[in-house]
């Protein structure tokens, strides 16, 4: 279940701290509430489908898409590499060149391996749980998948 938003002192409310397990349908119902957000969500689904084809079993969703920001810039995902067949993994998920331009063009958001360092100190999984404006803890969403497509 996706919890209520919380004011932690930043420019807009964010999810309560923690990792909140949700389905893709719950994410759509809660956050794809405008044409712009529906466009971002369509890109998220496209990226998730490609990761699932390679064997990805869960992703962690972050970014302004899961905040109360009226017009979110994008979404950010870190994906769990456990079980991923790198032969089947679309190379775009490992292309971070030019500010991740190709990912943004195809998906309207960014995807990072969860076990990579985000800032030279913290893995993306941990990095995503800190608000960049305040340094306070905030929540992210975990979406788990079965192996079936």
N, C-alpha and C. Protein backbone atom coordinates (compact mmCIF):
# COMPACT_ATOMS: atom_id res chain seq x y z
N UNK A 1 0.83 -1.19 0.00
CA UNK A 1 0.00 0.00 0.00
C UNK A 1 0.87 1.24 0.00
N UNK A 2 0.47 2.21 -0.75
CA UNK A 2 1.21 3.47 -0.85
C UNK A 2 0.69 4.42 0.23
N UNK A 3 1.56 4.90 1.11
CA UNK A 3 1.11 5.76 2.21
C UNK A 3 0.82 7.20 1.77
N UNK A 4 0.29 7.95 2.69
CA UNK A 4 0.01 9.36 2.46
C UNK A 4 1.32 10.13 2.30
N UNK A 5 1.18 11.31 1.71
CA UNK A 5 2.34 12.20 1.60
C UNK A 5 2.66 12.84 2.94
N UNK A 6 3.89 13.27 3.07
CA UNK A 6 4.39 13.88 4.30
C UNK A 6 5.18 15.13 3.94
N UNK A 7 5.01 16.18 4.71
CA UNK A 7 5.78 17.40 4.52
C UNK A 7 7.06 17.28 5.33
N UNK A 8 8.20 17.19 4.63
CA UNK A 8 9.50 17.10 5.33
C UNK A 8 10.32 18.38 5.16
N UNK A 9 9.65 19.44 4.69
CA UNK A 9 10.32 20.72 4.58
C UNK A 9 10.83 21.07 3.20
N UNK A 10 10.63 20.22 2.24
CA UNK A 10 11.05 20.48 0.86
C UNK A 10 10.00 21.26 0.10
N UNK A 11 10.22 21.42 -1.20
CA UNK A 11 9.28 22.20 -2.01
C UNK A 11 7.91 21.56 -2.20
N UNK A 12 7.81 20.24 -2.03
CA UNK A 12 6.53 19.55 -2.10
C UNK A 12 6.56 18.33 -1.21
N UNK A 13 5.39 17.81 -0.92
CA UNK A 13 5.30 16.64 -0.04
C UNK A 13 5.83 15.39 -0.74
N UNK A 14 6.37 14.47 0.06
CA UNK A 14 6.95 13.22 -0.43
C UNK A 14 6.31 12.05 0.33
N UNK A 15 6.64 10.84 -0.08
CA UNK A 15 6.14 9.67 0.63
C UNK A 15 6.81 9.55 1.99
N UNK A 16 6.08 9.03 2.94
CA UNK A 16 6.64 8.78 4.27
C UNK A 16 7.86 7.88 4.14
N UNK A 17 8.87 8.06 4.99
CA UNK A 17 10.09 7.25 4.91
C UNK A 17 9.78 5.74 4.93
N UNK A 18 10.58 5.01 4.17
CA UNK A 18 10.46 3.56 4.11
C UNK A 18 10.35 3.08 2.68
N UNK A 19 10.38 1.77 2.54
CA UNK A 19 10.21 1.13 1.24
C UNK A 19 8.80 0.57 1.23
N UNK A 20 7.96 1.10 0.36
CA UNK A 20 6.55 0.76 0.32
C UNK A 20 6.26 -0.14 -0.87
N UNK A 21 5.84 -1.35 -0.61
CA UNK A 21 5.56 -2.31 -1.66
C UNK A 21 4.20 -1.99 -2.28
N UNK A 22 4.17 -1.94 -3.61
CA UNK A 22 2.94 -1.65 -4.34
C UNK A 22 2.95 -2.40 -5.66
N UNK A 23 1.79 -2.52 -6.23
CA UNK A 23 1.68 -3.10 -7.57
C UNK A 23 1.79 -1.97 -8.60
N UNK A 24 2.03 -2.35 -9.82
CA UNK A 24 2.08 -1.37 -10.90
C UNK A 24 0.73 -0.68 -11.04
N UNK A 25 -0.34 -1.43 -10.83
CA UNK A 25 -1.69 -0.86 -10.91
C UNK A 25 -1.92 0.17 -9.81
N UNK A 26 -1.42 -0.10 -8.61
CA UNK A 26 -1.55 0.88 -7.52
C UNK A 26 -0.78 2.15 -7.83
N UNK A 27 0.40 2.00 -8.42
CA UNK A 27 1.19 3.17 -8.80
C UNK A 27 0.44 3.99 -9.85
N UNK A 28 -0.13 3.30 -10.82
CA UNK A 28 -0.89 4.00 -11.86
C UNK A 28 -2.07 4.75 -11.25
N UNK A 29 -2.85 4.09 -10.41
CA UNK A 29 -4.02 4.71 -9.79
C UNK A 29 -3.66 5.94 -8.97
N UNK A 30 -2.54 5.87 -8.28
CA UNK A 30 -2.16 6.95 -7.37
C UNK A 30 -1.47 8.12 -8.07
N UNK A 31 -0.61 7.82 -9.06
CA UNK A 31 0.25 8.87 -9.60
C UNK A 31 0.00 9.26 -11.06
N UNK A 32 -0.63 8.41 -11.86
CA UNK A 32 -0.88 8.74 -13.27
C UNK A 32 -2.22 9.46 -13.39
N UNK A 33 -2.27 10.68 -12.85
CA UNK A 33 -3.54 11.38 -12.67
C UNK A 33 -3.71 12.60 -13.58
N UNK A 34 -2.79 12.79 -14.50
CA UNK A 34 -2.91 13.87 -15.49
C UNK A 34 -2.32 13.34 -16.80
N UNK A 35 -2.55 14.05 -17.88
CA UNK A 35 -1.98 13.60 -19.16
C UNK A 35 -0.46 13.50 -19.09
N UNK A 36 0.17 14.49 -18.47
CA UNK A 36 1.63 14.47 -18.34
C UNK A 36 2.08 13.28 -17.51
N UNK A 37 1.45 13.04 -16.40
CA UNK A 37 1.81 11.91 -15.55
C UNK A 37 1.52 10.58 -16.24
N UNK A 38 0.47 10.51 -17.04
CA UNK A 38 0.18 9.29 -17.79
C UNK A 38 1.27 9.02 -18.82
N UNK A 39 1.81 10.06 -19.41
CA UNK A 39 2.93 9.91 -20.36
C UNK A 39 4.15 9.34 -19.64
N UNK A 40 4.46 9.88 -18.47
CA UNK A 40 5.58 9.36 -17.69
C UNK A 40 5.34 7.90 -17.30
N UNK A 41 4.12 7.60 -16.89
CA UNK A 41 3.80 6.24 -16.49
C UNK A 41 3.93 5.27 -17.66
N UNK A 42 3.53 5.68 -18.84
CA UNK A 42 3.67 4.82 -20.03
C UNK A 42 5.14 4.50 -20.28
N UNK A 43 6.02 5.48 -20.10
CA UNK A 43 7.45 5.24 -20.24
C UNK A 43 7.99 4.31 -19.17
N UNK A 44 7.49 4.49 -17.95
CA UNK A 44 7.88 3.61 -16.84
C UNK A 44 7.52 2.16 -17.17
N UNK A 45 6.29 1.94 -17.64
CA UNK A 45 5.85 0.59 -17.98
C UNK A 45 6.70 0.00 -19.10
N UNK A 46 7.04 0.80 -20.08
CA UNK A 46 7.87 0.34 -21.19
C UNK A 46 9.24 -0.12 -20.68
N UNK A 47 9.82 0.65 -19.79
CA UNK A 47 11.11 0.28 -19.21
C UNK A 47 11.01 -0.96 -18.34
N UNK A 48 9.98 -1.03 -17.54
CA UNK A 48 9.78 -2.19 -16.67
C UNK A 48 9.61 -3.46 -17.50
N UNK A 49 8.84 -3.38 -18.57
CA UNK A 49 8.63 -4.55 -19.42
C UNK A 49 9.96 -5.05 -19.99
N UNK A 50 10.80 -4.12 -20.43
CA UNK A 50 12.11 -4.50 -20.98
C UNK A 50 13.00 -5.13 -19.90
N UNK A 51 12.95 -4.61 -18.69
CA UNK A 51 13.72 -5.20 -17.60
C UNK A 51 13.20 -6.59 -17.25
N UNK A 52 11.90 -6.73 -17.23
CA UNK A 52 11.31 -8.04 -16.91
C UNK A 52 11.70 -9.09 -17.95
N UNK A 53 11.79 -8.70 -19.21
CA UNK A 53 12.20 -9.64 -20.27
C UNK A 53 13.60 -10.19 -20.00
N UNK A 54 14.41 -9.41 -19.30
CA UNK A 54 15.77 -9.84 -18.96
C UNK A 54 15.82 -10.57 -17.62
N UNK A 55 14.67 -10.71 -16.95
CA UNK A 55 14.62 -11.47 -15.71
C UNK A 55 14.57 -10.64 -14.44
N UNK A 56 14.45 -9.33 -14.55
CA UNK A 56 14.37 -8.47 -13.36
C UNK A 56 13.13 -8.84 -12.55
N UNK A 57 13.31 -8.94 -11.23
CA UNK A 57 12.21 -9.34 -10.35
C UNK A 57 11.65 -8.20 -9.51
N UNK A 58 12.41 -7.10 -9.39
CA UNK A 58 11.85 -5.96 -8.64
C UNK A 58 12.60 -4.69 -9.00
N UNK A 59 11.85 -3.60 -8.87
CA UNK A 59 12.41 -2.27 -9.09
C UNK A 59 12.02 -1.39 -7.90
N UNK A 60 12.75 -0.30 -7.75
CA UNK A 60 12.46 0.68 -6.71
C UNK A 60 12.24 2.01 -7.41
N UNK A 61 11.09 2.60 -7.18
CA UNK A 61 10.66 3.80 -7.89
C UNK A 61 10.83 5.03 -7.01
N UNK A 62 11.40 6.07 -7.62
CA UNK A 62 11.67 7.34 -6.95
C UNK A 62 11.45 8.46 -7.96
N UNK A 63 11.79 9.65 -7.57
CA UNK A 63 11.69 10.81 -8.46
C UNK A 63 10.45 11.63 -8.16
N UNK A 64 10.37 12.77 -8.85
CA UNK A 64 9.26 13.68 -8.59
C UNK A 64 7.91 13.07 -8.99
N UNK A 65 7.93 12.02 -9.80
CA UNK A 65 6.69 11.34 -10.17
C UNK A 65 5.93 10.82 -8.95
N UNK A 66 6.66 10.40 -7.91
CA UNK A 66 5.99 9.85 -6.72
C UNK A 66 5.95 10.87 -5.58
N UNK A 67 5.89 12.14 -5.94
CA UNK A 67 5.71 13.22 -4.97
C UNK A 67 4.42 13.96 -5.31
N UNK A 68 4.15 14.99 -4.55
CA UNK A 68 2.98 15.82 -4.80
C UNK A 68 3.28 16.94 -5.80
N UNK A 69 4.44 16.92 -6.41
CA UNK A 69 4.80 17.95 -7.39
C UNK A 69 3.76 17.94 -8.52
N UNK A 70 3.16 19.10 -8.81
CA UNK A 70 2.09 19.13 -9.81
C UNK A 70 2.51 18.64 -11.20
N UNK A 71 3.68 19.05 -11.65
CA UNK A 71 4.18 18.62 -12.96
C UNK A 71 5.56 18.01 -12.74
N UNK A 72 5.60 16.71 -12.46
CA UNK A 72 6.89 16.07 -12.19
C UNK A 72 7.79 16.06 -13.41
N UNK A 73 9.09 16.18 -13.17
CA UNK A 73 10.04 16.17 -14.28
C UNK A 73 10.17 14.78 -14.88
N UNK A 74 10.21 13.77 -14.02
CA UNK A 74 10.46 12.42 -14.49
C UNK A 74 10.23 11.43 -13.36
N UNK A 75 10.70 10.23 -13.58
CA UNK A 75 10.76 9.21 -12.53
C UNK A 75 12.19 8.69 -12.53
N UNK A 76 12.58 8.11 -11.43
CA UNK A 76 13.88 7.45 -11.31
C UNK A 76 13.62 6.05 -10.79
N UNK A 77 14.32 5.10 -11.36
CA UNK A 77 14.19 3.70 -10.97
C UNK A 77 15.57 3.14 -10.69
N UNK A 78 15.69 2.38 -9.62
CA UNK A 78 16.85 1.51 -9.50
C UNK A 78 16.31 0.08 -9.52
N UNK A 79 16.96 -0.74 -10.31
CA UNK A 79 16.47 -2.10 -10.52
C UNK A 79 17.42 -3.10 -9.89
N UNK A 80 16.81 -4.14 -9.35
CA UNK A 80 17.56 -5.20 -8.68
C UNK A 80 18.19 -6.10 -9.74
N UNK A 81 19.52 -6.23 -9.76
CA UNK A 81 20.17 -7.05 -10.78
C UNK A 81 20.10 -8.56 -10.53
N UNK A 82 19.64 -8.97 -9.35
CA UNK A 82 19.57 -10.40 -9.04
C UNK A 82 18.60 -11.08 -10.01
N UNK A 83 19.09 -12.10 -10.70
CA UNK A 83 18.27 -12.84 -11.65
C UNK A 83 18.26 -12.26 -13.05
N UNK A 84 18.87 -11.10 -13.26
CA UNK A 84 18.87 -10.49 -14.58
C UNK A 84 19.88 -11.18 -15.48
N UNK A 85 19.43 -11.57 -16.66
CA UNK A 85 20.30 -12.16 -17.68
C UNK A 85 20.86 -11.02 -18.51
N UNK A 86 22.13 -10.75 -18.34
CA UNK A 86 22.74 -9.59 -19.00
C UNK A 86 22.81 -9.74 -20.50
N UNK A 87 22.69 -10.95 -21.01
CA UNK A 87 22.62 -11.15 -22.45
C UNK A 87 21.29 -10.63 -22.99
N UNK A 88 20.22 -10.75 -22.20
CA UNK A 88 18.89 -10.30 -22.60
C UNK A 88 18.62 -8.85 -22.22
N UNK A 89 19.50 -8.25 -21.42
CA UNK A 89 19.30 -6.88 -20.94
C UNK A 89 19.56 -5.89 -22.07
N UNK A 90 18.59 -5.05 -22.32
CA UNK A 90 18.76 -4.00 -23.33
C UNK A 90 19.92 -3.10 -22.89
N UNK A 91 20.90 -2.86 -23.77
CA UNK A 91 22.07 -2.05 -23.40
C UNK A 91 21.74 -0.64 -22.93
N UNK A 92 20.55 -0.15 -23.24
CA UNK A 92 20.17 1.20 -22.80
C UNK A 92 20.18 1.32 -21.28
N UNK A 93 19.96 0.19 -20.58
CA UNK A 93 19.93 0.24 -19.12
C UNK A 93 21.31 0.39 -18.50
N UNK A 94 22.34 0.29 -19.32
CA UNK A 94 23.71 0.49 -18.84
C UNK A 94 24.37 1.67 -19.55
N UNK A 95 23.59 2.44 -20.28
CA UNK A 95 24.09 3.61 -21.00
C UNK A 95 23.75 4.86 -20.21
N UNK A 96 24.79 5.41 -19.56
CA UNK A 96 24.60 6.61 -18.74
C UNK A 96 25.23 7.84 -19.39
N UNK A 97 25.55 7.72 -20.67
CA UNK A 97 26.22 8.81 -21.38
C UNK A 97 25.27 9.99 -21.59
N UNK A 98 25.87 11.14 -21.73
CA UNK A 98 25.14 12.36 -22.06
C UNK A 98 23.95 12.59 -21.14
N UNK A 99 24.19 12.40 -19.84
CA UNK A 99 23.13 12.62 -18.85
C UNK A 99 21.97 11.64 -18.98
N UNK A 100 22.25 10.43 -19.48
CA UNK A 100 21.25 9.39 -19.67
C UNK A 100 20.20 9.79 -20.70
N UNK A 101 20.67 10.52 -21.70
CA UNK A 101 19.79 11.08 -22.74
C UNK A 101 18.94 10.01 -23.43
N UNK A 102 19.54 8.88 -23.79
CA UNK A 102 18.78 7.85 -24.51
C UNK A 102 17.68 7.25 -23.65
N UNK A 103 17.96 7.06 -22.37
CA UNK A 103 16.92 6.55 -21.46
C UNK A 103 15.77 7.55 -21.36
N UNK A 104 16.10 8.80 -21.20
CA UNK A 104 15.07 9.83 -21.06
C UNK A 104 14.23 9.94 -22.33
N UNK A 105 14.87 9.82 -23.49
CA UNK A 105 14.12 9.90 -24.74
C UNK A 105 13.17 8.71 -24.91
N UNK A 106 13.62 7.52 -24.56
CA UNK A 106 12.78 6.33 -24.75
C UNK A 106 11.73 6.16 -23.65
N UNK A 107 12.13 6.42 -22.40
CA UNK A 107 11.26 6.09 -21.27
C UNK A 107 10.70 7.29 -20.51
N UNK A 108 11.22 8.48 -20.73
CA UNK A 108 10.82 9.69 -19.99
C UNK A 108 11.26 9.63 -18.53
N UNK A 109 12.26 8.81 -18.25
CA UNK A 109 12.80 8.65 -16.91
C UNK A 109 14.12 7.92 -16.98
N UNK A 110 14.67 7.63 -15.80
CA UNK A 110 16.00 7.04 -15.73
C UNK A 110 15.99 5.75 -14.92
N UNK A 111 16.86 4.82 -15.34
CA UNK A 111 16.99 3.51 -14.71
C UNK A 111 18.45 3.28 -14.33
N UNK A 112 18.68 2.85 -13.10
CA UNK A 112 20.02 2.59 -12.60
C UNK A 112 20.05 1.22 -11.92
N UNK A 113 21.16 0.48 -12.04
CA UNK A 113 21.28 -0.75 -11.24
C UNK A 113 21.32 -0.37 -9.75
N UNK A 114 20.55 -1.07 -8.95
CA UNK A 114 20.44 -0.73 -7.52
C UNK A 114 21.75 -0.90 -6.78
N UNK A 115 22.64 -1.74 -7.30
CA UNK A 115 23.90 -2.03 -6.61
C UNK A 115 25.05 -1.16 -7.09
N UNK A 116 24.76 -0.08 -7.79
CA UNK A 116 25.80 0.86 -8.22
C UNK A 116 25.78 2.09 -7.32
N UNK A 117 26.94 2.71 -7.19
CA UNK A 117 27.04 3.91 -6.36
C UNK A 117 26.43 5.11 -7.10
N UNK A 118 25.61 5.84 -6.39
CA UNK A 118 24.94 7.01 -6.96
C UNK A 118 25.80 8.26 -6.86
N UNK A 119 26.47 8.39 -5.74
CA UNK A 119 27.20 9.62 -5.46
C UNK A 119 28.63 9.34 -4.99
N UNK A 120 29.12 8.15 -5.26
CA UNK A 120 30.45 7.77 -4.82
C UNK A 120 30.49 7.20 -3.41
N UNK A 121 29.37 7.28 -2.70
CA UNK A 121 29.31 6.80 -1.32
C UNK A 121 28.14 5.87 -1.05
N UNK A 122 26.99 6.19 -1.64
CA UNK A 122 25.76 5.43 -1.37
C UNK A 122 25.27 4.74 -2.64
N UNK A 123 24.75 3.52 -2.44
CA UNK A 123 24.11 2.83 -3.54
C UNK A 123 22.80 3.53 -3.88
N UNK A 124 22.34 3.38 -5.12
CA UNK A 124 21.11 4.04 -5.54
C UNK A 124 19.94 3.72 -4.62
N UNK A 125 19.83 2.48 -4.17
CA UNK A 125 18.76 2.09 -3.26
C UNK A 125 18.72 3.00 -2.02
N UNK A 126 19.87 3.30 -1.46
CA UNK A 126 19.95 4.17 -0.27
C UNK A 126 19.84 5.64 -0.66
N UNK A 127 20.48 6.01 -1.74
CA UNK A 127 20.48 7.39 -2.23
C UNK A 127 19.06 7.88 -2.50
N UNK A 128 18.23 7.01 -3.08
CA UNK A 128 16.85 7.38 -3.40
C UNK A 128 16.02 7.69 -2.16
N UNK A 129 16.43 7.23 -1.00
CA UNK A 129 15.63 7.41 0.21
C UNK A 129 15.97 8.67 0.99
N UNK A 130 16.78 9.54 0.38
CA UNK A 130 17.14 10.81 1.00
C UNK A 130 16.66 11.95 0.11
N UNK A 131 15.91 12.87 0.69
CA UNK A 131 15.41 14.01 -0.07
C UNK A 131 16.56 14.94 -0.44
N UNK A 132 16.68 15.27 -1.73
CA UNK A 132 17.82 16.07 -2.18
C UNK A 132 17.73 17.53 -1.74
N UNK A 133 16.56 17.99 -1.36
CA UNK A 133 16.41 19.37 -0.92
C UNK A 133 16.67 19.57 0.56
N UNK A 134 16.32 18.57 1.36
CA UNK A 134 16.41 18.74 2.81
C UNK A 134 17.42 17.81 3.48
N UNK A 135 17.76 16.72 2.83
CA UNK A 135 18.62 15.71 3.45
C UNK A 135 17.85 14.80 4.38
N UNK A 136 16.53 14.97 4.47
CA UNK A 136 15.69 14.14 5.33
C UNK A 136 15.32 12.83 4.63
N UNK A 137 14.96 11.84 5.43
CA UNK A 137 14.52 10.55 4.88
C UNK A 137 13.17 10.71 4.20
N UNK A 138 12.99 9.96 3.12
CA UNK A 138 11.72 9.94 2.41
C UNK A 138 11.48 8.54 1.89
N UNK A 139 10.28 8.28 1.42
CA UNK A 139 9.93 6.94 0.97
C UNK A 139 10.14 6.71 -0.52
N UNK A 140 10.28 5.43 -0.85
CA UNK A 140 10.31 4.97 -2.24
C UNK A 140 9.33 3.81 -2.37
N UNK A 141 9.08 3.41 -3.60
CA UNK A 141 8.14 2.32 -3.85
C UNK A 141 8.89 1.13 -4.43
N UNK A 142 8.57 -0.05 -3.93
CA UNK A 142 9.11 -1.29 -4.47
C UNK A 142 7.99 -1.99 -5.24
N UNK A 143 8.28 -2.34 -6.49
CA UNK A 143 7.35 -3.12 -7.29
C UNK A 143 8.03 -4.44 -7.59
N UNK A 144 7.39 -5.53 -7.18
CA UNK A 144 7.93 -6.88 -7.39
C UNK A 144 7.18 -7.54 -8.55
N UNK A 145 7.90 -8.42 -9.26
CA UNK A 145 7.31 -9.11 -10.41
C UNK A 145 7.50 -10.60 -10.28
N UNK A 146 6.57 -11.33 -10.84
CA UNK A 146 6.76 -12.77 -10.98
C UNK A 146 7.65 -12.97 -12.20
N UNK A 147 8.10 -14.16 -12.43
CA UNK A 147 8.93 -14.44 -13.60
C UNK A 147 8.08 -14.54 -14.87
N UNK A 148 6.78 -14.55 -14.72
CA UNK A 148 5.89 -14.66 -15.88
C UNK A 148 5.64 -13.30 -16.50
N UNK A 149 5.65 -13.25 -17.82
CA UNK A 149 5.33 -12.01 -18.52
C UNK A 149 3.91 -12.03 -19.03
